[in-house]
């Protein structure tokens, strides 16, 4: 299998089996679909599998989707997260966005809308990861260049000191000759 053949991964975190299976069926031909029925299991999959997008229900027993979103953002700030809810309100949408959700969809969802949102989310994740990687590379390069500059400044000061020493050494020798 070549790099081009590797499928992007999406993680679906929802306590409802019907929703998880609908997502699996909807995306199985395009993506590797990972399923979790709780926030804790989803976070575990996030750590192990590094998905390219996450679709997560807001209302779940034990930990809700907002709590899950906070945990996800503590682990991976680049992965796009789409919040899914059957009980949408302006307040929960604002809270989801405040904690880093990339999109918010109400249940029942339209298949073509979900496909569009997931496709965009995967693109957002790829861009964010590339930006993060590039920024890290630039930071490492900056540290390396600063170290080289300090080394060259040190060598320049040694050269200046040597030049002054030779100059001071020449003055008495010139007087003798």
Protein backbone atom coordinates (compact mmCIF):
# COMPACT_ATOMS: atom_id res chain seq x y z
CA UNK A 1 0.00 0.00 0.00
CA UNK A 2 1.43 3.38 -0.97
CA UNK A 3 1.12 6.62 0.98
CA UNK A 4 -1.60 7.72 -1.46
CA UNK A 5 -3.60 4.59 -0.63
CA UNK A 6 -3.70 5.34 3.11
CA UNK A 7 -7.20 6.46 4.10
CA UNK A 8 -7.80 9.40 6.36
CA UNK A 9 -9.26 8.42 9.73
CA UNK A 10 -12.39 9.79 11.30
CA UNK A 11 -13.36 9.11 14.90
CA UNK A 12 -17.05 9.03 15.82
CA UNK A 13 -17.81 9.40 19.53
CA UNK A 14 -21.50 8.89 20.27
CA UNK A 15 -23.33 6.83 22.88
CA UNK A 16 -26.06 5.88 20.36
CA UNK A 17 -25.29 2.74 18.37
CA UNK A 18 -27.53 3.86 15.52
CA UNK A 19 -25.58 7.07 14.99
CA UNK A 20 -22.22 5.29 15.14
CA UNK A 21 -23.34 2.67 12.64
CA UNK A 22 -24.85 5.31 10.34
CA UNK A 23 -21.52 7.16 10.31
CA UNK A 24 -19.59 3.95 9.73
CA UNK A 25 -21.82 3.07 6.79
CA UNK A 26 -21.78 6.63 5.41
CA UNK A 27 -17.97 6.94 5.42
CA UNK A 28 -16.64 3.36 5.17
CA UNK A 29 -15.65 3.68 1.48
CA UNK A 30 -13.80 6.98 1.87
CA UNK A 31 -12.25 6.88 5.33
CA UNK A 32 -11.10 4.54 8.05
CA UNK A 33 -13.91 4.94 10.57
CA UNK A 34 -13.12 4.54 14.27
CA UNK A 35 -16.06 4.23 16.68
CA UNK A 36 -16.34 4.93 20.41
CA UNK A 37 -19.42 4.89 22.62
CA UNK A 38 -17.99 7.19 25.30
CA UNK A 39 -15.65 10.14 25.69
CA UNK A 40 -13.05 8.05 27.56
CA UNK A 41 -12.94 5.40 24.81
CA UNK A 42 -12.80 8.13 22.17
CA UNK A 43 -9.89 9.87 23.91
CA UNK A 44 -8.08 6.53 24.09
CA UNK A 45 -8.59 6.04 20.33
CA UNK A 46 -7.42 9.60 19.70
CA UNK A 47 -4.16 8.90 21.50
CA UNK A 48 -3.56 5.60 19.68
CA UNK A 49 -4.88 6.30 16.18
CA UNK A 50 -4.41 10.06 15.60
CA UNK A 51 -7.61 10.61 13.55
CA UNK A 52 -7.92 13.36 10.95
CA UNK A 53 -11.38 14.46 12.13
CA UNK A 54 -13.64 13.76 15.08
CA UNK A 55 -17.43 13.76 15.15
CA UNK A 56 -18.70 13.84 18.74
CA UNK A 57 -22.13 13.95 20.32
CA UNK A 58 -22.65 16.60 22.99
CA UNK A 59 -25.15 14.76 25.20
CA UNK A 60 -23.67 11.55 26.52
CA UNK A 61 -23.75 9.82 29.92
CA UNK A 62 -20.76 10.13 32.27
CA UNK A 63 -18.77 12.77 30.34
CA UNK A 64 -20.54 15.01 27.87
CA UNK A 65 -19.14 16.17 24.56
CA UNK A 66 -18.02 19.56 25.90
CA UNK A 67 -15.92 17.84 28.57
CA UNK A 68 -14.63 15.51 25.86
CA UNK A 69 -13.78 18.48 23.66
CA UNK A 70 -11.68 19.97 26.46
CA UNK A 71 -9.77 16.68 26.83
CA UNK A 72 -9.28 16.38 23.08
CA UNK A 73 -7.90 19.93 22.85
CA UNK A 74 -5.45 19.16 25.68
CA UNK A 75 -4.13 16.24 23.60
CA UNK A 76 -4.40 17.51 20.02
CA UNK A 77 -5.04 21.15 19.14
CA UNK A 78 -4.91 20.53 15.38
CA UNK A 79 -7.56 17.83 14.83
CA UNK A 80 -10.89 19.20 13.59
CA UNK A 81 -13.83 18.40 15.86
CA UNK A 82 -17.46 18.47 14.70
CA UNK A 83 -20.00 18.55 17.52
CA UNK A 84 -23.23 16.68 16.93
CA UNK A 85 -26.42 17.13 18.93
CA UNK A 86 -30.11 16.42 18.86
CA UNK A 87 -30.75 19.15 21.41
CA UNK A 88 -29.13 22.19 19.84
CA UNK A 89 -29.20 25.56 21.49
CA UNK A 90 -27.30 28.75 20.93
CA UNK A 91 -25.66 28.35 24.33
CA UNK A 92 -24.27 24.86 23.63
CA UNK A 93 -23.12 25.92 20.17
CA UNK A 94 -21.28 28.90 21.65
CA UNK A 95 -19.74 26.73 24.35
CA UNK A 96 -18.59 24.19 21.77
CA UNK A 97 -16.99 26.90 19.62
CA UNK A 98 -15.41 28.52 22.69
CA UNK A 99 -13.66 25.24 23.55
CA UNK A 100 -12.37 24.70 20.03
CA UNK A 101 -15.04 22.88 18.00
CA UNK A 102 -14.66 23.46 14.27
CA UNK A 103 -18.31 22.89 13.40
CA UNK A 104 -21.68 22.11 14.95
CA UNK A 105 -24.38 19.92 13.35
CA UNK A 106 -27.88 19.13 14.61
CA UNK A 107 -29.39 15.64 14.52
CA UNK A 108 -30.94 14.38 12.38
CA UNK A 109 -28.31 15.41 9.84
CA UNK A 110 -28.41 15.32 6.07
CA UNK A 111 -25.90 12.89 4.56
CA UNK A 112 -24.54 15.28 1.93
CA UNK A 113 -24.10 18.00 4.58
CA UNK A 114 -22.25 15.58 6.87
CA UNK A 115 -19.99 14.48 4.00
CA UNK A 116 -19.21 18.11 3.17
CA UNK A 117 -18.46 19.03 6.79
CA UNK A 118 -16.25 15.96 7.34
CA UNK A 119 -14.35 16.63 4.10
CA UNK A 120 -13.73 20.23 5.15
CA UNK A 121 -12.73 19.10 8.63
CA UNK A 122 -10.12 16.71 7.28
CA UNK A 123 -8.71 19.52 5.12
CA UNK A 124 -8.63 21.84 8.16
CA UNK A 125 -6.75 19.23 10.17
CA UNK A 126 -4.21 18.71 7.37
CA UNK A 127 -3.62 22.46 7.11
CA UNK A 128 -3.36 22.89 10.89
CA UNK A 129 -0.91 19.98 11.21
CA UNK A 130 1.20 21.29 8.33
CA UNK A 131 1.21 24.77 9.89
CA UNK A 132 2.22 23.31 13.28
CA UNK A 133 4.94 21.17 11.69
CA UNK A 134 6.28 24.12 9.70
CA UNK A 135 6.26 26.36 12.76
CA UNK A 136 8.15 23.70 14.74
CA UNK A 137 10.70 23.32 11.95
CA UNK A 138 11.15 27.09 11.75
CA UNK A 139 11.61 27.32 15.51
CA UNK A 140 14.27 24.57 15.43
CA UNK A 141 16.00 26.30 12.51
CA UNK A 142 15.88 29.61 14.39
CA UNK A 143 17.48 28.03 17.46
CA UNK A 144 20.19 26.47 15.26
CA UNK A 145 20.88 29.76 13.46
CA UNK A 146 21.08 31.67 16.75
CA UNK A 147 23.61 29.11 18.06
CA UNK A 148 25.66 29.47 14.88
CA UNK A 149 25.48 33.27 15.15
CA UNK A 150 26.71 33.15 18.77
CA UNK A 151 29.55 30.85 17.67
CA UNK A 152 30.51 33.20 14.81
CA UNK A 153 30.35 36.21 17.14
CA UNK A 154 32.64 34.35 19.55
CA UNK A 155 35.05 33.54 16.70
CA UNK A 156 34.92 37.17 15.55
CA UNK A 157 35.77 38.38 19.06
CA UNK A 158 38.68 35.90 19.18
CA UNK A 159 39.84 37.22 15.81
CA UNK A 160 39.60 40.80 17.08
CA UNK A 161 41.55 39.90 20.23
CA UNK A 162 44.22 38.14 18.14
CA UNK A 163 44.49 41.16 15.85
CA UNK A 164 44.95 43.47 18.84
CA UNK A 165 47.55 41.12 20.32
CA UNK A 166 49.53 41.02 17.07
CA UNK A 167 49.28 44.82 16.80
CA UNK A 168 50.50 45.25 20.38
CA UNK A 169 53.32 42.74 19.72
CA UNK A 170 54.42 44.62 16.56
CA UNK A 171 54.76 48.00 18.24
CA UNK A 172 57.71 47.06 20.50
CA UNK A 173 59.34 45.07 17.69
CA UNK A 174 59.14 48.07 15.35
CA UNK A 175 60.85 50.25 17.94
CA UNK A 176 63.69 47.73 18.29
CA UNK A 177 64.36 47.48 14.55
